[in-house]
Amino acid sequence: MKKSAFLGILVCCFLFCASVFASMILEYDGGVHNYTGSVYSLSVNGKELKNLPLEPIIFNDRALVPVREVFEALGADVLYKEKTKEIVITYSGKKTTIQIDSNIAETDGKTVKIPDGVTPKLIAKWGESAKTMVPVRFVSDSVGLTVDFDGVAGKISVSETVKKSDGTQNKITGISAKEEDGVVTVTISASGKILKMSSPAVTASNTLFVDVENMGYSTANKKEINLGAVLSVRLGLHDNSTRIAIDTEGMKKYKASISGNNIIFTISKDENVDIPDKEDDKDKEDDKDKEEDKENEEKTNLPKPSELSGGKIYVVLDAGHGGTDPGAVGNLMTDEELKVYHDALDSTEPILETLEAGTGETYYEKTIALAVTKKVQKILEEKGVNVIMTRSGDTYPTLDERPAIANKRGAAMFLSIHLNSTVMPVTAAQGIEIYYSESNNGKDYGITSKEMASVIVKKAAKSANTTARGVKAGNLLVTRKSVMPANLIEIGFMNNPDELKKLITAEYQDKLAEGIAEGILEVLGKIKLP
């Protein structure tokens, strides 16, 4: 089932006394849970981290923050060891090791207890990759950073001390400048991270300046620039601060921002020129690139599929959801429920005129998906195909674990079987649709994920005598993280009572399984392991 369709899950935030509350679905401890608590913004060294995969939340009355995002923003190295579920943080010359679901950490060989009685946890927004979340007090008490928790404003701020570990003062070490398209960029470099500066101001003589607290300088106190509107840059000490003054001529537009160890000024004579927020844009691109690089690294670091599989052809079948995650829920409506049926629809939903009263019994996506997947498994194995199931019972492998099973075995193809639903209580939508990820659509295996999807959806729809709703691109985690051709197929709508009546019968499930298996066999005829 698609994320947007899961029982009408909508992430909605509202403000109350400046605190932010959210309703969202989270995955942890092998199940899916509804979270309706506070979420917080997160700043590191005065800079707000945007587009976080999971914002700081409250868990067992304690605030949790994403450990990788916090420490990488500080310039630390963060390594996750999947086998031992350990996170190794190398920061400020010290190495700290924490472990998922353990309240004991180790820093440079010394054991420390993680405070608040809350252990590091792998938590994910539904449909996304899991993040390691740690109590915010671990960041302050165990690692020695300064943490400011503002529950009313909904903000968590993390900062490191201005002094470096050897006690010396941070200093400006260089000044550089370049001009492009009439915009001059002046970069002030320092020996360590710059935490804070004053708001930029301009004097009557058109000198742009900022003050940086607890800062000295070890470079010349003046540098001639003579580019565009910029004449020169001057440095001066004021008590325990350094003033950075930029002498300009004809300046009409400017901006100043901190980026790690640098202060960057952008200055132009043209008041109509667009000076974009390059730092924010770059951060977004960097975040996206890091995630893509991580996924690509996971894939490329694997041995060749033919080596992993021993030369055998394996098909991995994934029955969606499971365990405490039921997936979509449907029921055969009673007379009473039918009476309110029309009121439940909006104008965009077609009305089912032929509905008949049912038993009112409830059915779950996880159960039907597993039943169909097992039938596909049986047909394929009878044809001599090696099949691996991500689950064979009512268990819940995470969304990361499912493609990992296929990748580590060197499988030839991956298919996840789900059932569909819409945000409305009842729908007239019916039929089968199938998804592939554009980021996993190469021809290394002799057939693309899109081509594989086209074969399977046509065979399944024809066998079940239902509507083929087509092949769709979707950046779904289980297909995106698979190395081999991968699809996610939605075999029918749980909240269409007419279709649900068919989906719960063994006869219709057999037809679906026969069509899916026929499609898989045709695809296997075109696949060659790299």
Protein backbone atom coordinates (compact mmCIF):
# COMPACT_ATOMS: atom_id res chain seq x y z
CA MET A 1 0.00 0.00 0.00
CA LYS A 2 1.29 3.48 -0.87
CA LYS A 3 2.33 5.73 1.97
CA SER A 4 -0.23 8.38 1.01
CA ALA A 5 -3.00 5.84 1.25
CA PHE A 6 -2.34 4.22 4.62
CA LEU A 7 -5.65 4.80 6.39
CA GLY A 8 -5.55 8.37 5.20
CA ILE A 9 -2.29 9.08 6.99
CA LEU A 10 -1.63 12.79 6.78
CA VAL A 11 1.23 14.49 8.52
CA CYS A 12 -0.33 17.57 10.08
CA CYS A 13 1.32 20.10 12.33
CA PHE A 14 -0.28 22.86 14.38
CA LEU A 15 0.98 25.54 16.75
CA PHE A 16 0.09 25.98 20.39
CA CYS A 17 2.04 28.39 22.56
CA ALA A 18 4.81 28.24 19.91
CA SER A 19 5.30 24.48 20.46
CA VAL A 20 4.84 22.22 17.44
CA PHE A 21 2.85 19.00 17.60
CA ALA A 22 2.64 16.36 14.89
CA SER A 23 0.73 13.26 13.95
CA MET A 24 2.87 10.81 12.03
CA ILE A 25 3.53 7.09 11.67
CA LEU A 26 6.86 5.87 13.07
CA GLU A 27 8.60 2.49 12.75
CA TYR A 28 10.58 1.12 15.70
CA ASP A 29 10.94 -2.03 17.83
CA GLY A 30 9.76 -4.14 14.88
CA GLY A 31 6.40 -2.42 14.52
CA VAL A 32 4.51 0.65 13.35
CA HIS A 33 3.26 3.23 15.85
CA ASN A 34 1.20 6.40 15.70
CA TYR A 35 3.11 9.39 17.12
CA THR A 36 1.05 12.39 18.24
CA GLY A 37 3.58 14.31 20.31
CA SER A 38 5.83 17.33 20.02
CA VAL A 39 8.46 17.81 17.34
CA TYR A 40 11.30 20.30 17.59
CA SER A 41 13.53 22.32 15.31
CA LEU A 42 17.23 21.51 15.64
CA SER A 43 20.14 23.96 15.43
CA VAL A 44 23.84 23.13 15.58
CA ASN A 45 26.29 25.95 16.23
CA GLY A 46 23.58 28.50 15.54
CA LYS A 47 22.50 27.04 12.21
CA GLU A 48 19.13 25.35 11.88
CA LEU A 49 19.28 21.92 10.26
CA LYS A 50 16.61 21.71 7.59
CA ASN A 51 14.99 18.79 5.77
CA LEU A 52 15.80 16.35 8.55
CA PRO A 53 14.78 12.74 7.80
CA LEU A 54 13.33 12.67 11.33
CA GLU A 55 12.94 15.72 13.56
CA PRO A 56 13.69 15.61 17.31
CA ILE A 57 10.75 13.99 19.12
CA ILE A 58 9.67 13.06 22.65
CA PHE A 59 10.05 9.37 23.56
CA ASN A 60 9.16 8.14 27.06
CA ASP A 61 9.11 11.79 28.20
CA ARG A 62 12.64 12.39 26.91
CA ALA A 63 13.79 14.41 23.90
CA LEU A 64 15.57 12.40 21.18
CA VAL A 65 17.76 13.84 18.40
CA PRO A 66 19.21 12.19 15.25
CA VAL A 67 22.82 11.38 16.19
CA ARG A 68 24.34 11.40 12.69
CA GLU A 69 22.89 14.78 11.71
CA VAL A 70 24.04 16.44 14.96
CA PHE A 71 27.62 15.21 14.87
CA GLU A 72 28.20 15.50 11.13
CA ALA A 73 27.10 19.14 11.42
CA LEU A 74 29.92 19.51 13.96
CA GLY A 75 32.42 18.03 11.53
CA ALA A 76 32.60 14.67 13.31
CA ASP A 77 32.85 11.27 11.62
CA VAL A 78 29.92 8.93 12.26
CA LEU A 79 30.13 5.24 11.35
CA TYR A 80 27.29 2.71 11.69
CA LYS A 81 28.25 -0.96 12.02
CA GLU A 82 25.24 -2.95 10.86
CA LYS A 83 26.34 -6.35 12.22
CA THR A 84 26.83 -5.16 15.80
CA LYS A 85 24.35 -2.24 15.57
CA GLU A 86 27.05 0.08 16.92
CA ILE A 87 27.55 3.76 16.12
CA VAL A 88 31.12 5.06 16.35
CA ILE A 89 31.48 8.85 16.70
CA THR A 90 34.92 10.41 16.26
CA TYR A 91 34.77 13.97 17.52
CA SER A 92 37.33 16.42 18.87
CA GLY A 93 40.01 13.72 19.10
CA LYS A 94 37.77 11.34 21.05
CA LYS A 95 36.03 8.15 19.95
CA THR A 96 32.61 7.35 21.42
CA THR A 97 30.78 4.09 20.73
CA ILE A 98 27.08 3.59 21.40
CA GLN A 99 24.87 0.61 20.62
CA ILE A 100 21.22 0.37 19.61
CA ASP A 101 18.98 -0.50 22.61
CA SER A 102 21.87 -0.28 25.10
CA ASN A 103 22.20 2.41 27.77
CA ILE A 104 25.99 1.94 27.99
CA ALA A 105 28.38 4.01 25.85
CA GLU A 106 32.17 3.91 25.66
CA THR A 107 34.39 6.98 25.25
CA ASP A 108 38.12 6.38 24.75
CA GLY A 109 37.85 3.08 26.59
CA LYS A 110 35.86 4.46 29.51
CA THR A 111 32.32 3.22 30.08
CA VAL A 112 29.62 5.84 30.60
CA LYS A 113 25.90 5.41 31.16
CA ILE A 114 23.50 7.10 28.78
CA PRO A 115 21.22 9.29 30.94
CA ASP A 116 17.43 9.38 31.23
CA GLY A 117 16.94 5.62 30.98
CA VAL A 118 16.24 5.88 27.22
CA THR A 119 18.51 3.86 24.95
CA PRO A 120 19.57 4.78 21.39
CA LYS A 121 16.87 3.60 19.00
CA LEU A 122 16.44 3.03 15.30
CA ILE A 123 13.32 5.02 14.41
CA ALA A 124 11.94 5.83 10.96
CA LYS A 125 9.10 7.80 9.51
CA TRP A 126 6.82 5.32 7.81
CA GLY A 127 8.26 4.46 4.42
CA GLU A 128 11.68 6.06 5.06
CA SER A 129 15.09 4.87 6.22
CA ALA A 130 15.66 4.41 9.94
CA LYS A 131 17.69 6.98 11.89
CA THR A 132 19.58 6.46 15.13
CA MET A 133 17.93 8.67 17.75
CA VAL A 134 19.64 9.39 21.09
CA PRO A 135 18.56 11.30 24.23
CA VAL A 136 19.59 14.93 23.96
CA ARG A 137 21.20 14.68 27.40
CA PHE A 138 23.63 12.10 26.01
CA VAL A 139 24.89 14.81 23.67
CA SER A 140 25.46 17.20 26.58
CA ASP A 141 26.47 14.95 29.50
CA SER A 142 28.46 12.23 27.73
CA VAL A 143 30.05 14.17 24.86
CA GLY A 144 30.40 17.57 26.52
CA LEU A 145 28.46 19.78 24.13
CA THR A 146 26.22 22.63 25.20
CA VAL A 147 22.50 21.87 24.70
CA ASP A 148 19.70 24.40 25.05
CA PHE A 149 16.23 22.83 25.23
CA ASP A 150 13.36 25.28 24.79
CA GLY A 151 10.14 23.30 25.14
CA VAL A 152 7.87 26.32 24.79
CA ALA A 153 9.45 27.57 21.56
CA GLY A 154 9.91 24.02 20.28
CA LYS A 155 13.67 24.40 19.75
CA ILE A 156 16.75 22.33 20.55
CA SER A 157 20.14 23.98 20.07
CA VAL A 158 23.49 22.18 20.21
CA SER A 159 26.81 24.04 20.25
CA GLU A 160 30.43 23.33 20.93
CA THR A 161 32.73 25.55 23.00
CA VAL A 162 34.45 28.41 21.21
CA LYS A 163 37.90 27.46 22.53
CA LYS A 164 39.62 24.60 20.78
CA SER A 165 40.52 21.46 22.73
CA ASP A 166 44.09 22.70 23.34
CA GLY A 167 42.79 25.93 24.87
CA THR A 168 43.99 28.23 22.07
CA GLN A 169 41.74 30.90 20.62
CA ASN A 170 40.04 30.53 17.25
CA LYS A 171 41.69 32.87 14.72
CA ILE A 172 41.07 34.30 11.26
CA THR A 173 43.75 32.80 9.02
CA GLY A 174 42.97 34.08 5.52
CA ILE A 175 41.02 36.43 3.24
CA SER A 176 40.11 35.67 -0.38
CA ALA A 177 37.78 37.15 -3.00
CA LYS A 178 36.42 36.39 -6.47
CA GLU A 179 33.97 38.05 -8.88
CA GLU A 180 31.37 36.32 -11.05
CA ASP A 181 28.54 37.94 -13.03
CA GLY A 182 28.97 41.23 -11.16
CA VAL A 183 28.76 39.59 -7.71
CA VAL A 184 31.86 39.62 -5.49
CA THR A 185 32.28 36.80 -2.98
CA VAL A 186 34.61 37.52 -0.05
CA THR A 187 35.60 34.52 2.09
CA ILE A 188 37.04 34.96 5.58
CA SER A 189 38.68 31.70 6.74
CA ALA A 190 39.30 30.72 10.38
CA SER A 191 41.29 28.01 12.17
CA GLY A 192 38.13 26.46 13.64
CA LYS A 193 34.36 26.55 13.39
CA ILE A 194 32.78 29.99 13.63
CA LEU A 195 29.82 29.78 15.96
CA LYS A 196 28.29 33.24 15.94
CA MET A 197 28.69 36.74 14.52
CA SER A 198 26.79 39.98 14.78
CA SER A 199 24.22 40.99 12.19
CA PRO A 200 25.90 42.73 9.25
CA ALA A 201 25.71 46.54 9.32
CA VAL A 202 26.77 49.37 6.98
CA THR A 203 28.35 52.69 8.06
CA ALA A 204 27.64 56.10 6.53
CA SER A 205 30.86 55.73 4.50
CA ASN A 206 29.54 52.50 2.94
CA THR A 207 31.68 50.10 5.01
CA LEU A 208 30.05 46.71 5.61
CA PHE A 209 31.08 45.08 8.89
CA VAL A 210 30.40 42.25 11.35
CA ASP A 211 31.84 41.45 14.79
CA VAL A 212 32.90 37.92 15.77
CA GLU A 213 33.17 37.18 19.50
CA ASN A 214 36.13 35.29 21.01
CA MET A 215 38.08 35.64 17.78
CA GLY A 216 41.60 36.82 16.98
CA TYR A 217 43.52 36.85 13.71
CA SER A 218 46.91 35.60 12.51
CA THR A 219 46.85 37.14 9.02
CA ALA A 220 47.54 40.70 7.80
CA ASN A 221 44.93 43.13 9.08
CA LYS A 222 44.23 44.62 5.63
CA LYS A 223 43.89 43.18 2.12
CA GLU A 224 43.26 45.15 -1.08
CA ILE A 225 40.54 43.57 -3.23
CA ASN A 226 39.43 46.07 -5.93
CA LEU A 227 36.78 43.81 -7.46
CA GLY A 228 33.33 45.15 -8.32
CA ALA A 229 31.96 47.08 -5.37
CA VAL A 230 34.64 45.80 -2.97
CA LEU A 231 37.74 47.94 -2.36
CA SER A 232 39.44 46.24 0.62
CA VAL A 233 38.97 44.11 3.74
CA ARG A 234 40.21 45.24 7.18
CA LEU A 235 40.47 43.38 10.50
CA GLY A 236 40.50 45.01 13.91
CA LEU A 237 40.47 43.81 17.53
CA HIS A 238 37.73 45.06 19.86
CA ASP A 239 38.16 43.65 23.37
CA ASN A 240 37.91 39.86 22.77
CA SER A 241 36.31 40.16 19.35
CA THR A 242 37.45 40.80 15.79
CA ARG A 243 35.67 43.27 13.54
CA ILE A 244 35.65 42.38 9.86
CA ALA A 245 35.19 45.59 7.82
CA ILE A 246 34.73 45.61 4.05
CA ASP A 247 35.23 48.98 2.36
CA THR A 248 32.90 49.29 -0.60
CA GLU A 249 31.99 51.72 -3.35
CA GLY A 250 28.61 51.71 -5.06
CA MET A 251 27.37 48.68 -3.06
CA LYS A 252 23.61 48.18 -3.52
CA LYS A 253 23.07 44.65 -2.25
CA TYR A 254 24.89 42.34 0.18
CA LYS A 255 24.64 39.23 2.30
CA ALA A 256 26.79 37.68 5.06
CA SER A 257 26.58 34.11 6.40
CA ILE A 258 28.58 31.51 8.34
CA SER A 259 29.59 28.25 6.66
CA GLY A 260 31.72 26.01 8.91
CA ASN A 261 35.13 27.66 9.34
CA ASN A 262 34.26 30.51 6.98
CA ILE A 263 32.29 33.74 6.85
CA ILE A 264 31.09 34.42 3.33
CA PHE A 265 30.07 37.88 2.06
CA THR A 266 28.32 38.33 -1.29
CA ILE A 267 28.24 41.94 -2.55
CA SER A 268 26.90 43.60 -5.73
CA LYS A 269 26.55 47.07 -7.27
CA ASP A 270 23.25 46.01 -8.88
CA GLU A 271 20.26 46.20 -6.52
CA ASN A 272 18.25 44.01 -8.92
CA VAL A 273 20.74 41.19 -9.02
CA ASP A 274 19.59 37.94 -7.45
CA ILE A 275 21.92 36.83 -4.64
CA PRO A 276 20.53 33.35 -3.88
CA ASP A 277 20.70 31.71 -0.50
CA LYS A 278 23.50 29.49 -1.75
CA GLU A 279 24.24 28.06 1.66
CA ASP A 280 20.73 26.69 2.16
CA ASP A 281 20.54 25.39 -1.41
CA LYS A 282 23.91 23.74 -1.04
CA ASP A 283 22.87 22.16 2.25
CA LYS A 284 19.79 20.64 0.61
CA GLU A 285 21.85 19.35 -2.30
CA ASP A 286 24.52 18.02 0.06
CA ASP A 287 21.91 16.22 2.19
CA LYS A 288 20.40 14.63 -0.90
CA ASP A 289 23.82 13.76 -2.31
CA LYS A 290 24.91 12.20 1.00
CA GLU A 291 21.83 9.97 1.11
CA GLU A 292 22.27 8.94 -2.54
CA ASP A 293 26.00 8.38 -2.03
CA LYS A 294 25.29 6.23 1.02
CA GLU A 295 22.78 4.08 -0.86
CA ASN A 296 25.06 3.80 -3.89
CA GLU A 297 27.98 2.87 -1.63
CA GLU A 298 25.88 0.16 0.01
CA LYS A 299 25.14 -1.26 -3.43
CA THR A 300 28.62 -0.96 -4.98
CA ASN A 301 30.37 -2.38 -1.93
CA LEU A 302 28.55 -5.68 -2.39
CA PRO A 303 30.38 -8.48 -4.26
CA LYS A 304 29.07 -9.28 -7.75
CA PRO A 305 25.57 -10.85 -7.69
CA SER A 306 26.84 -13.99 -9.42
CA GLU A 307 29.41 -14.40 -6.64
CA LEU A 308 26.88 -13.85 -3.85
CA SER A 309 24.39 -16.30 -5.33
CA GLY A 310 26.92 -18.94 -6.26
CA GLY A 311 25.72 -18.63 -9.84
CA LYS A 312 22.13 -19.54 -8.92
CA ILE A 313 19.09 -17.46 -9.86
CA TYR A 314 17.12 -16.31 -6.83
CA VAL A 315 13.78 -14.48 -6.75
CA VAL A 316 12.99 -12.54 -3.58
CA LEU A 317 9.29 -12.18 -2.73
CA ASP A 318 8.28 -9.64 -0.11
CA ALA A 319 4.82 -9.77 1.48
CA GLY A 320 4.07 -6.20 2.56
CA HIS A 321 3.66 -5.11 6.18
CA GLY A 322 3.28 -7.80 8.90
CA GLY A 323 3.53 -8.10 12.68
CA THR A 324 2.20 -5.03 14.45
CA ASP A 325 1.82 -3.27 11.07
CA PRO A 326 -1.48 -4.46 9.54
CA GLY A 327 -1.27 -2.29 6.43
CA ALA A 328 -4.55 -1.19 4.89
CA VAL A 329 -7.76 -2.31 6.57
CA GLY A 330 -11.01 -3.17 4.82
CA ASN A 331 -14.39 -4.54 5.85
CA LEU A 332 -17.51 -5.93 4.21
CA MET A 333 -20.02 -3.28 5.25
CA THR A 334 -23.18 -4.09 7.16
CA ASP A 335 -26.60 -2.56 6.45
CA GLU A 336 -25.94 0.20 8.97
CA GLU A 337 -22.58 1.03 7.40
CA LEU A 338 -24.12 1.10 3.94
CA LYS A 339 -26.58 3.77 5.09
CA VAL A 340 -23.77 6.22 5.73
CA TYR A 341 -21.79 5.17 2.69
CA HIS A 342 -22.87 8.03 0.46
CA ASP A 343 -22.12 10.57 3.19
CA ALA A 344 -18.57 9.23 3.41
CA LEU A 345 -17.77 10.07 -0.21
CA ASP A 346 -16.72 13.40 -1.61
CA SER A 347 -17.52 14.63 -5.10
CA THR A 348 -14.33 13.19 -6.58
CA GLU A 349 -15.15 9.59 -5.63
CA PRO A 350 -17.49 7.61 -7.91
CA ILE A 351 -20.39 5.91 -6.13
CA LEU A 352 -20.71 2.12 -6.03
CA GLU A 353 -24.36 1.57 -6.88
CA THR A 354 -24.39 -2.23 -6.58
CA LEU A 355 -23.09 -2.65 -3.05
CA GLU A 356 -24.73 -5.37 -1.00
CA ALA A 357 -24.58 -5.71 2.76
CA GLY A 358 -21.77 -7.87 4.11
CA THR A 359 -20.80 -9.42 7.42
CA GLY A 360 -18.93 -6.39 8.72
CA GLU A 361 -15.84 -8.56 9.18
CA THR A 362 -12.47 -6.78 9.07
CA TYR A 363 -9.57 -7.85 6.85
CA TYR A 364 -5.94 -6.76 6.87
CA GLU A 365 -3.54 -6.07 4.02
CA LYS A 366 -0.72 -7.99 5.72
CA THR A 367 -2.81 -11.22 5.76
CA ILE A 368 -3.97 -11.13 2.14
CA ALA A 369 -0.53 -10.05 0.89
CA LEU A 370 1.14 -12.99 2.64
CA ALA A 371 -1.44 -15.47 1.33
CA VAL A 372 -0.92 -14.35 -2.28
CA THR A 373 2.87 -14.21 -1.89
CA LYS A 374 2.95 -17.80 -0.59
CA LYS A 375 0.88 -18.93 -3.58
CA VAL A 376 3.36 -17.23 -5.94
CA GLN A 377 6.21 -18.93 -4.07
CA LYS A 378 4.61 -22.36 -4.48
CA ILE A 379 4.05 -21.95 -8.22
CA LEU A 380 7.63 -20.73 -8.81
CA GLU A 381 9.21 -23.48 -6.74
CA GLU A 382 7.20 -26.10 -8.62
CA LYS A 383 8.79 -24.65 -11.78
CA GLY A 384 12.26 -25.06 -10.24
CA VAL A 385 12.83 -21.42 -9.26
CA ASN A 386 14.81 -20.64 -6.09
CA VAL A 387 12.57 -18.36 -3.98
CA ILE A 388 13.52 -16.37 -0.89
CA MET A 389 10.74 -14.91 1.27
CA THR A 390 11.41 -11.79 3.34
CA ARG A 391 8.74 -13.10 5.73
CA SER A 392 6.79 -16.36 5.87
CA GLY A 393 4.71 -15.55 8.92
CA ASP A 394 3.19 -12.62 10.80
CA THR A 395 6.50 -10.82 11.36
CA TYR A 396 7.74 -7.36 10.46
CA PRO A 397 11.08 -6.97 8.64
CA THR A 398 11.90 -3.26 8.38
CA LEU A 399 11.81 -1.50 5.03
CA ASP A 400 15.63 -1.41 5.06
CA GLU A 401 15.93 -5.12 5.84
CA ARG A 402 13.72 -6.30 2.98
CA PRO A 403 15.90 -5.14 0.04
CA ALA A 404 19.03 -5.96 2.08
CA ILE A 405 17.98 -9.64 2.08
CA ALA A 406 17.88 -9.58 -1.72
CA ASN A 407 21.12 -7.62 -2.10
CA LYS A 408 23.13 -9.87 0.21
CA ARG A 409 21.95 -13.03 -1.56
CA GLY A 410 22.71 -11.64 -5.03
CA ALA A 411 19.10 -12.13 -6.14
CA ALA A 412 18.05 -11.74 -9.77
CA MET A 413 14.84 -9.84 -9.00
CA PHE A 414 12.78 -8.45 -6.11
CA LEU A 415 8.98 -8.14 -5.94
CA SER A 416 7.03 -6.65 -3.04
CA ILE A 417 3.31 -7.55 -2.95
CA HIS A 418 0.85 -5.08 -1.39
CA LEU A 419 -2.79 -4.05 -1.48
CA ASN A 420 -4.01 -0.58 -2.26
CA SER A 421 -6.25 1.91 -0.47
CA THR A 422 -7.34 5.53 -0.86
CA VAL A 423 -7.74 8.31 1.69
CA MET A 424 -11.53 7.99 1.50
CA PRO A 425 -13.34 5.38 3.65
CA VAL A 426 -14.80 3.76 0.54
CA THR A 427 -13.71 3.88 -3.09
CA ALA A 428 -14.83 2.63 -6.48
CA ALA A 429 -11.19 2.40 -7.63
CA GLN A 430 -10.15 -1.12 -8.55
CA GLY A 431 -7.44 -3.09 -10.30
CA ILE A 432 -3.70 -3.63 -10.24
CA GLU A 433 -0.88 -1.10 -10.48
CA ILE A 434 2.86 -1.53 -10.15
CA TYR A 435 5.79 0.72 -9.18
CA TYR A 436 9.49 0.95 -9.95
CA SER A 437 12.21 3.41 -8.87
CA GLU A 438 13.90 5.46 -11.58
CA SER A 439 17.13 5.37 -9.56
CA ASN A 440 17.13 1.57 -9.92
CA ASN A 441 16.29 1.15 -13.58
CA GLY A 442 19.52 0.18 -15.36
CA LYS A 443 20.03 -2.67 -17.82
CA ASP A 444 22.85 -4.40 -15.94
CA TYR A 445 20.60 -7.46 -15.59
CA GLY A 446 19.36 -7.51 -19.20
CA ILE A 447 15.99 -5.96 -18.29
CA THR A 448 15.07 -2.74 -16.50
CA SER A 449 12.79 -2.44 -13.49
CA LYS A 450 10.29 -0.57 -15.67
CA GLU A 451 10.28 -3.31 -18.31
CA MET A 452 9.87 -5.94 -15.60
CA ALA A 453 6.91 -4.01 -14.15
CA SER A 454 5.19 -3.81 -17.54
CA VAL A 455 5.38 -7.60 -18.00
CA ILE A 456 4.13 -8.48 -14.50
CA VAL A 457 1.20 -6.05 -14.31
CA LYS A 458 -0.17 -7.17 -17.67
CA LYS A 459 0.08 -10.87 -16.82
CA ALA A 460 -1.48 -10.40 -13.36
CA ALA A 461 -4.39 -8.24 -14.59
CA LYS A 462 -5.17 -10.63 -17.45
CA SER A 463 -5.11 -13.70 -15.21
CA ALA A 464 -7.39 -12.07 -12.60
CA ASN A 465 -9.61 -10.47 -15.28
CA THR A 466 -9.28 -7.04 -13.68
CA THR A 467 -8.11 -3.55 -14.64
CA ALA A 468 -4.40 -2.94 -15.31
CA ARG A 469 -3.87 0.51 -13.82
CA GLY A 470 -0.41 0.80 -15.31
CA VAL A 471 3.26 1.14 -14.49
CA LYS A 472 4.22 4.08 -12.29
CA ALA A 473 7.50 5.57 -11.15
CA GLY A 474 7.77 5.92 -7.39
CA ASN A 475 10.79 6.51 -5.18
CA LEU A 476 9.82 3.69 -2.80
CA LEU A 477 12.50 2.60 -0.38
CA VAL A 478 12.24 -1.15 -0.96
CA THR A 479 12.65 -0.78 -4.73
CA ARG A 480 15.12 2.11 -4.55
CA LYS A 481 17.51 0.21 -2.28
CA SER A 482 17.39 -3.01 -4.28
CA VAL A 483 20.41 -3.65 -6.50
CA MET A 484 18.53 -5.89 -8.95
CA PRO A 485 15.36 -5.13 -10.99
CA ALA A 486 12.66 -4.45 -8.38
CA ASN A 487 8.93 -3.71 -8.31
CA LEU A 488 6.17 -3.11 -5.79
CA ILE A 489 2.79 -4.36 -6.99
CA GLU A 490 -0.62 -3.27 -5.59
CA ILE A 491 -3.03 -6.15 -6.34
CA GLY A 492 -6.35 -4.49 -5.41
CA PHE A 493 -8.13 -1.98 -3.19
CA MET A 494 -8.90 -2.89 0.41
CA ASN A 495 -11.49 -0.09 0.73
CA ASN A 496 -13.46 -1.12 -2.34
CA PRO A 497 -15.94 -3.61 -0.80
CA ASP A 498 -16.73 -5.19 -4.18
CA GLU A 499 -13.06 -5.86 -4.87
CA LEU A 500 -12.38 -6.91 -1.27
CA LYS A 501 -15.01 -9.66 -1.61
CA LYS A 502 -12.88 -11.14 -4.40
CA LEU A 503 -9.50 -10.51 -2.73
CA ILE A 504 -10.40 -12.62 0.33
CA THR A 505 -11.28 -15.71 -1.74
CA ALA A 506 -8.77 -18.46 -2.45
CA GLU A 507 -9.98 -18.66 -6.06
CA TYR A 508 -9.18 -14.99 -6.84
CA GLN A 509 -5.87 -15.17 -4.95
CA ASP A 510 -4.94 -18.18 -7.09
CA LYS A 511 -5.62 -16.20 -10.28
CA LEU A 512 -3.52 -13.29 -9.04
CA ALA A 513 -0.68 -15.61 -8.05
CA GLU A 514 -0.76 -17.44 -11.38
CA GLY A 515 -0.52 -14.17 -13.32
CA ILE A 516 2.26 -12.76 -11.14
CA ALA A 517 4.23 -16.01 -11.37
CA GLU A 518 3.77 -16.12 -15.15
CA GLY A 519 5.15 -12.58 -15.37
CA ILE A 520 8.12 -13.45 -13.15
CA LEU A 521 8.96 -16.50 -15.27
CA GLU A 522 8.92 -14.40 -18.45
CA VAL A 523 11.20 -11.82 -16.81
CA LEU A 524 13.60 -14.51 -15.59
CA GLY A 525 14.03 -15.62 -19.19
CA LYS A 526 15.59 -12.23 -19.94
CA ILE A 527 17.71 -11.81 -16.80
CA LYS A 528 21.44 -12.45 -16.64
CA LEU A 529 23.35 -11.95 -13.39
CA PRO A 530 26.12 -9.35 -13.72
